[in-house]
Amino acid sequence: MSFGECPICCDEYTSPSMLEFFPCKCGYQPCMFCIKQMKQCPHCKELYQEANFRTIPNKFYSMSESERKQQRIVNKQNLIIRGLSDDILDEQILRQYNFLGQYGTIVDMQISNRQCYVKFDTESQALDCALAINFSYFDSKLITLTFGYQKFCTSFICGHKCHSKSCQFIHEATPLTKMFHVEDEYKQLTEATKIVCPREKENYHLQKEQTQQFPPKIQIQNQLLKLKKWNAENDFLQLLEIVRAELKD
């Protein structure tokens, strides 16, 4: 069975117990040989101290294959978008800057059952998108988002190395991996995929008829709120273009 490899020397881990040892608070896990050669964590630069050494059991490897198949992991790079208008339910349109393209680099996008599944390059980009458009309206339709979740790769579950370069499933399970049983813990899984929006944001839910663009990032919305307080008579869309131009520069 493959248990991964050391991120420093690339030697393969030969047992799950090697993945249960954490020498640093940040969670970075070199192998024991590399730890002995280094005085500090290569990830966070903290000095290694025995007081910080800890062992956390990895429950994944104590599960049967059938149990592993039922586990799901929330992936905060992935978003599921619901409630999109038919006029924009198209990958080429949604990738445009006025829509999802303004929030970051889109790695992958799929449209199925009137829902858009989109993966951003980073979690922060996905969060920018989620906070901006969750519970906003477009063409009189309410848009809602949740984080996506994934299952483990079948090859990984069976203890084999996955040879598919395009495999979209999970190939790693550490003691810190938060897993949910898709049936027994469905309520907890649903709760973990929820996106909590800040209360202090531009009131886009009142603009039900707008069909030109998705709301800007929260950072821009906060700037708009400030500008609108300074000058309540300024045109909203004009302010939006001014702020966007400033952030691009």
Protein backbone atom coordinates (compact mmCIF):
# COMPACT_ATOMS: atom_id res chain seq x y z
CA MET A 1 0.00 0.00 0.00
CA SER A 2 1.21 3.52 -0.81
CA PHE A 3 1.28 5.97 2.10
CA GLY A 4 2.84 8.92 0.29
CA GLU A 5 6.36 10.28 0.55
CA CYS A 6 8.50 12.70 2.53
CA PRO A 7 8.15 16.26 1.13
CA ILE A 8 11.90 16.84 1.67
CA CYS A 9 13.81 13.72 0.57
CA CYS A 10 10.93 12.05 -1.34
CA ASP A 11 11.47 8.68 0.37
CA GLU A 12 8.25 6.69 0.47
CA TYR A 13 6.42 6.21 3.74
CA THR A 14 6.08 2.49 4.37
CA SER A 15 3.46 2.47 7.13
CA PRO A 16 0.53 4.67 8.25
CA SER A 17 2.28 5.30 11.57
CA MET A 18 4.82 7.46 9.70
CA LEU A 19 1.95 9.81 8.81
CA GLU A 20 0.76 10.01 12.41
CA PHE A 21 3.83 11.81 13.76
CA PHE A 22 3.75 15.62 13.77
CA PRO A 23 7.00 17.31 14.84
CA CYS A 24 5.69 20.88 14.53
CA LYS A 25 2.54 22.79 15.44
CA CYS A 26 2.04 23.86 11.81
CA GLY A 27 1.38 20.24 10.79
CA TYR A 28 4.22 19.92 8.26
CA GLN A 29 5.46 16.31 8.15
CA PRO A 30 8.99 15.46 6.98
CA CYS A 31 10.21 11.92 7.63
CA MET A 32 12.10 11.12 10.84
CA PHE A 33 15.46 11.03 9.03
CA CYS A 34 14.98 14.58 7.70
CA ILE A 35 13.75 15.83 11.07
CA LYS A 36 16.99 14.65 12.69
CA GLN A 37 19.04 16.47 10.04
CA MET A 38 17.23 19.80 10.49
CA LYS A 39 16.97 22.07 13.52
CA GLN A 40 13.87 23.91 12.37
CA CYS A 41 10.68 23.26 10.43
CA PRO A 42 11.25 24.04 6.73
CA HIS A 43 7.64 25.20 6.41
CA CYS A 44 7.16 27.70 9.25
CA LYS A 45 10.83 28.07 10.39
CA GLU A 46 9.98 27.24 14.03
CA LEU A 47 12.73 25.42 15.93
CA TYR A 48 11.94 21.76 16.56
CA GLN A 49 11.16 21.11 20.23
CA GLU A 50 10.27 17.76 21.73
CA ALA A 51 7.47 19.45 23.66
CA ASN A 52 5.71 20.06 20.34
CA PHE A 53 6.07 16.49 19.07
CA ARG A 54 2.72 14.70 18.90
CA THR A 55 1.19 11.55 17.49
CA ILE A 56 -2.36 11.61 16.08
CA PRO A 57 -3.95 8.30 15.00
CA ASN A 58 -5.03 8.15 11.36
CA LYS A 59 -8.55 6.72 11.39
CA PHE A 60 -8.62 6.31 7.59
CA TYR A 61 -6.31 3.29 7.69
CA SER A 62 -8.38 1.59 10.38
CA MET A 63 -11.46 1.69 8.12
CA SER A 64 -12.59 -1.06 5.79
CA GLU A 65 -12.58 -0.36 2.05
CA SER A 66 -16.37 -0.06 2.07
CA GLU A 67 -16.18 2.56 4.85
CA ARG A 68 -13.52 4.53 2.98
CA LYS A 69 -15.76 4.71 -0.07
CA GLN A 70 -18.40 6.50 2.01
CA GLN A 71 -16.05 9.25 3.25
CA ARG A 72 -16.24 12.78 1.84
CA ILE A 73 -13.89 15.75 2.25
CA VAL A 74 -14.94 19.39 1.89
CA ASN A 75 -12.81 21.10 -0.76
CA LYS A 76 -12.85 24.88 -0.40
CA GLN A 77 -11.38 25.42 -3.86
CA ASN A 78 -14.58 23.96 -5.31
CA LEU A 79 -17.95 25.72 -5.41
CA ILE A 80 -21.41 24.54 -6.37
CA ILE A 81 -23.51 27.40 -7.75
CA ARG A 82 -27.29 27.11 -7.94
CA GLY A 83 -30.01 29.38 -9.30
CA LEU A 84 -28.20 30.69 -12.39
CA SER A 85 -30.31 32.18 -15.16
CA ASP A 86 -30.62 30.16 -18.38
CA ASP A 87 -29.12 33.11 -20.26
CA ILE A 88 -25.75 32.69 -18.53
CA LEU A 89 -25.77 28.95 -17.80
CA ASP A 90 -22.91 28.47 -20.24
CA GLU A 91 -19.21 27.89 -19.54
CA GLN A 92 -17.93 30.51 -22.01
CA ILE A 93 -20.20 33.17 -20.53
CA LEU A 94 -19.49 32.30 -16.89
CA ARG A 95 -15.72 32.43 -17.45
CA GLN A 96 -15.96 36.08 -18.56
CA TYR A 97 -14.64 38.83 -16.28
CA ASN A 98 -18.11 40.27 -15.65
CA PHE A 99 -19.10 36.94 -14.15
CA LEU A 100 -16.88 34.33 -12.44
CA GLY A 101 -13.65 35.42 -14.14
CA GLN A 102 -13.31 38.48 -11.88
CA TYR A 103 -12.69 36.37 -8.78
CA GLY A 104 -9.59 34.45 -9.87
CA THR A 105 -8.16 31.73 -12.08
CA ILE A 106 -10.73 29.07 -12.97
CA VAL A 107 -9.09 25.64 -13.08
CA ASP A 108 -12.14 23.64 -14.07
CA MET A 109 -15.84 24.16 -14.68
CA GLN A 110 -18.72 21.78 -15.32
CA ILE A 111 -22.43 22.45 -15.78
CA SER A 112 -24.87 19.70 -14.88
CA ASN A 113 -28.49 19.53 -13.69
CA ARG A 114 -28.76 23.34 -13.90
CA GLN A 115 -25.87 23.73 -11.46
CA CYS A 116 -22.36 25.06 -12.06
CA TYR A 117 -19.41 23.23 -10.50
CA VAL A 118 -16.35 25.47 -10.54
CA LYS A 119 -12.84 24.98 -9.18
CA PHE A 120 -10.60 27.99 -8.53
CA ASP A 121 -6.81 27.97 -8.35
CA THR A 122 -6.79 28.79 -4.62
CA GLU A 123 -9.14 28.63 -1.66
CA SER A 124 -8.95 32.42 -1.25
CA GLN A 125 -10.16 32.97 -4.82
CA ALA A 126 -13.07 30.59 -4.29
CA LEU A 127 -13.92 32.39 -1.04
CA ASP A 128 -13.87 35.77 -2.84
CA CYS A 129 -16.40 34.38 -5.31
CA ALA A 130 -18.56 32.79 -2.63
CA LEU A 131 -18.74 35.86 -0.40
CA ALA A 132 -19.49 38.14 -3.34
CA ILE A 133 -22.40 36.34 -4.98
CA ASN A 134 -23.95 34.02 -2.39
CA PHE A 135 -27.58 35.11 -1.83
CA SER A 136 -27.45 37.77 -4.54
CA TYR A 137 -29.89 38.08 -7.44
CA PHE A 138 -29.27 37.93 -11.18
CA ASP A 139 -32.13 38.30 -13.67
CA SER A 140 -34.59 38.01 -10.75
CA LYS A 141 -33.17 34.62 -9.71
CA LEU A 142 -31.61 34.03 -6.30
CA ILE A 143 -28.07 32.61 -6.54
CA THR A 144 -26.82 30.36 -3.74
CA LEU A 145 -23.45 28.67 -3.27
CA THR A 146 -21.92 25.92 -1.18
CA PHE A 147 -18.41 24.54 -1.03
CA GLY A 148 -17.93 21.32 -2.96
CA TYR A 149 -16.84 18.00 -1.53
CA GLN A 150 -14.91 15.05 -2.94
CA LYS A 151 -14.44 11.36 -2.34
CA PHE A 152 -11.26 9.32 -2.24
CA CYS A 153 -9.78 7.83 -5.41
CA THR A 154 -10.76 4.16 -5.85
CA SER A 155 -7.13 3.16 -6.42
CA PHE A 156 -6.04 4.99 -3.27
CA ILE A 157 -8.83 3.33 -1.26
CA CYS A 158 -7.59 -0.10 -2.36
CA GLY A 159 -3.98 0.77 -1.50
CA HIS A 160 -2.75 1.17 -5.07
CA LYS A 161 -1.05 4.06 -6.81
CA CYS A 162 -3.31 6.07 -9.12
CA HIS A 163 -1.87 6.37 -12.64
CA SER A 164 -4.52 8.73 -14.01
CA LYS A 165 -3.11 12.23 -14.50
CA SER A 166 -6.62 13.65 -14.80
CA CYS A 167 -8.04 12.00 -11.67
CA GLN A 168 -10.08 14.54 -9.70
CA PHE A 169 -10.41 12.52 -6.51
CA ILE A 170 -8.47 12.60 -3.22
CA HIS A 171 -5.16 10.71 -2.98
CA GLU A 172 -4.12 11.57 0.57
CA ALA A 173 -5.46 10.97 4.07
CA THR A 174 -3.65 12.42 7.06
CA PRO A 175 -4.73 12.35 10.71
CA LEU A 176 -5.75 16.01 10.27
CA THR A 177 -8.00 15.30 7.28
CA LYS A 178 -11.59 16.11 8.23
CA MET A 179 -13.80 13.35 6.82
CA PHE A 180 -17.57 12.93 6.83
CA HIS A 181 -19.54 9.74 6.23
CA VAL A 182 -21.85 10.62 3.35
CA GLU A 183 -24.83 8.92 5.01
CA ASP A 184 -24.23 8.77 8.77
CA GLU A 185 -22.78 12.30 8.96
CA TYR A 186 -24.74 13.96 6.15
CA LYS A 187 -26.01 16.75 8.42
CA GLN A 188 -22.45 17.60 9.53
CA LEU A 189 -21.23 17.45 5.92
CA THR A 190 -23.98 19.82 4.79
CA GLU A 191 -23.12 22.21 7.62
CA ALA A 192 -19.41 22.13 6.68
CA THR A 193 -20.16 23.13 3.07
CA LYS A 194 -22.18 26.21 4.06
CA ILE A 195 -20.79 29.63 3.21
CA VAL A 196 -21.25 32.28 5.89
CA CYS A 197 -21.56 35.76 4.40
CA PRO A 198 -20.57 38.88 6.33
CA ARG A 199 -23.40 41.16 7.35
CA GLU A 200 -21.51 44.24 6.23
CA LYS A 201 -21.77 44.04 2.44
CA GLU A 202 -23.36 45.94 -0.44
CA ASN A 203 -27.11 45.27 -0.62
CA TYR A 204 -27.19 43.43 -3.94
CA HIS A 205 -30.28 41.43 -3.05
CA LEU A 206 -32.36 44.55 -3.79
CA GLN A 207 -31.09 44.68 -7.40
CA LYS A 208 -33.16 41.75 -8.61
CA GLU A 209 -33.40 42.87 -12.23
CA GLN A 210 -29.70 43.44 -12.93
CA THR A 211 -28.36 41.31 -15.81
CA GLN A 212 -24.99 42.90 -16.61
CA GLN A 213 -22.56 41.38 -14.14
CA PHE A 214 -22.08 39.52 -10.88
CA PRO A 215 -21.33 41.52 -7.72
CA PRO A 216 -17.67 42.50 -7.24
CA LYS A 217 -15.39 41.09 -4.54
CA ILE A 218 -16.21 41.91 -0.94
CA GLN A 219 -13.15 44.18 -0.79
CA ILE A 220 -14.64 46.28 -3.61
CA GLN A 221 -18.08 46.22 -2.01
CA ASN A 222 -16.60 47.58 1.22
CA GLN A 223 -14.96 50.41 -0.73
CA LEU A 224 -18.28 51.14 -2.43
CA LEU A 225 -20.02 51.38 0.92
CA LYS A 226 -17.45 53.94 2.05
CA LEU A 227 -17.76 55.95 -1.17
CA LYS A 228 -21.54 55.93 -1.01
CA LYS A 229 -21.40 57.29 2.52
CA TRP A 230 -19.10 60.09 1.38
CA ASN A 231 -21.29 61.04 -1.54
CA ALA A 232 -24.79 59.59 -1.57
CA GLU A 233 -25.62 61.32 -4.86
CA ASN A 234 -23.00 59.53 -6.99
CA ASP A 235 -24.23 56.98 -9.53
CA PHE A 236 -23.70 53.44 -8.18
CA LEU A 237 -22.42 51.85 -11.42
CA GLN A 238 -20.08 54.78 -11.99
CA LEU A 239 -18.63 54.25 -8.52
CA LEU A 240 -18.22 50.56 -9.24
CA GLU A 241 -16.15 51.25 -12.36
CA ILE A 242 -13.98 53.76 -10.48
CA VAL A 243 -13.18 51.29 -7.70
CA ARG A 244 -12.48 48.44 -10.14
CA ALA A 245 -10.10 50.67 -12.11
CA GLU A 246 -8.25 51.62 -8.90
CA LEU A 247 -7.82 47.98 -7.85
CA LYS A 248 -6.56 46.97 -11.30
CA ASP A 249 -3.88 49.67 -11.16
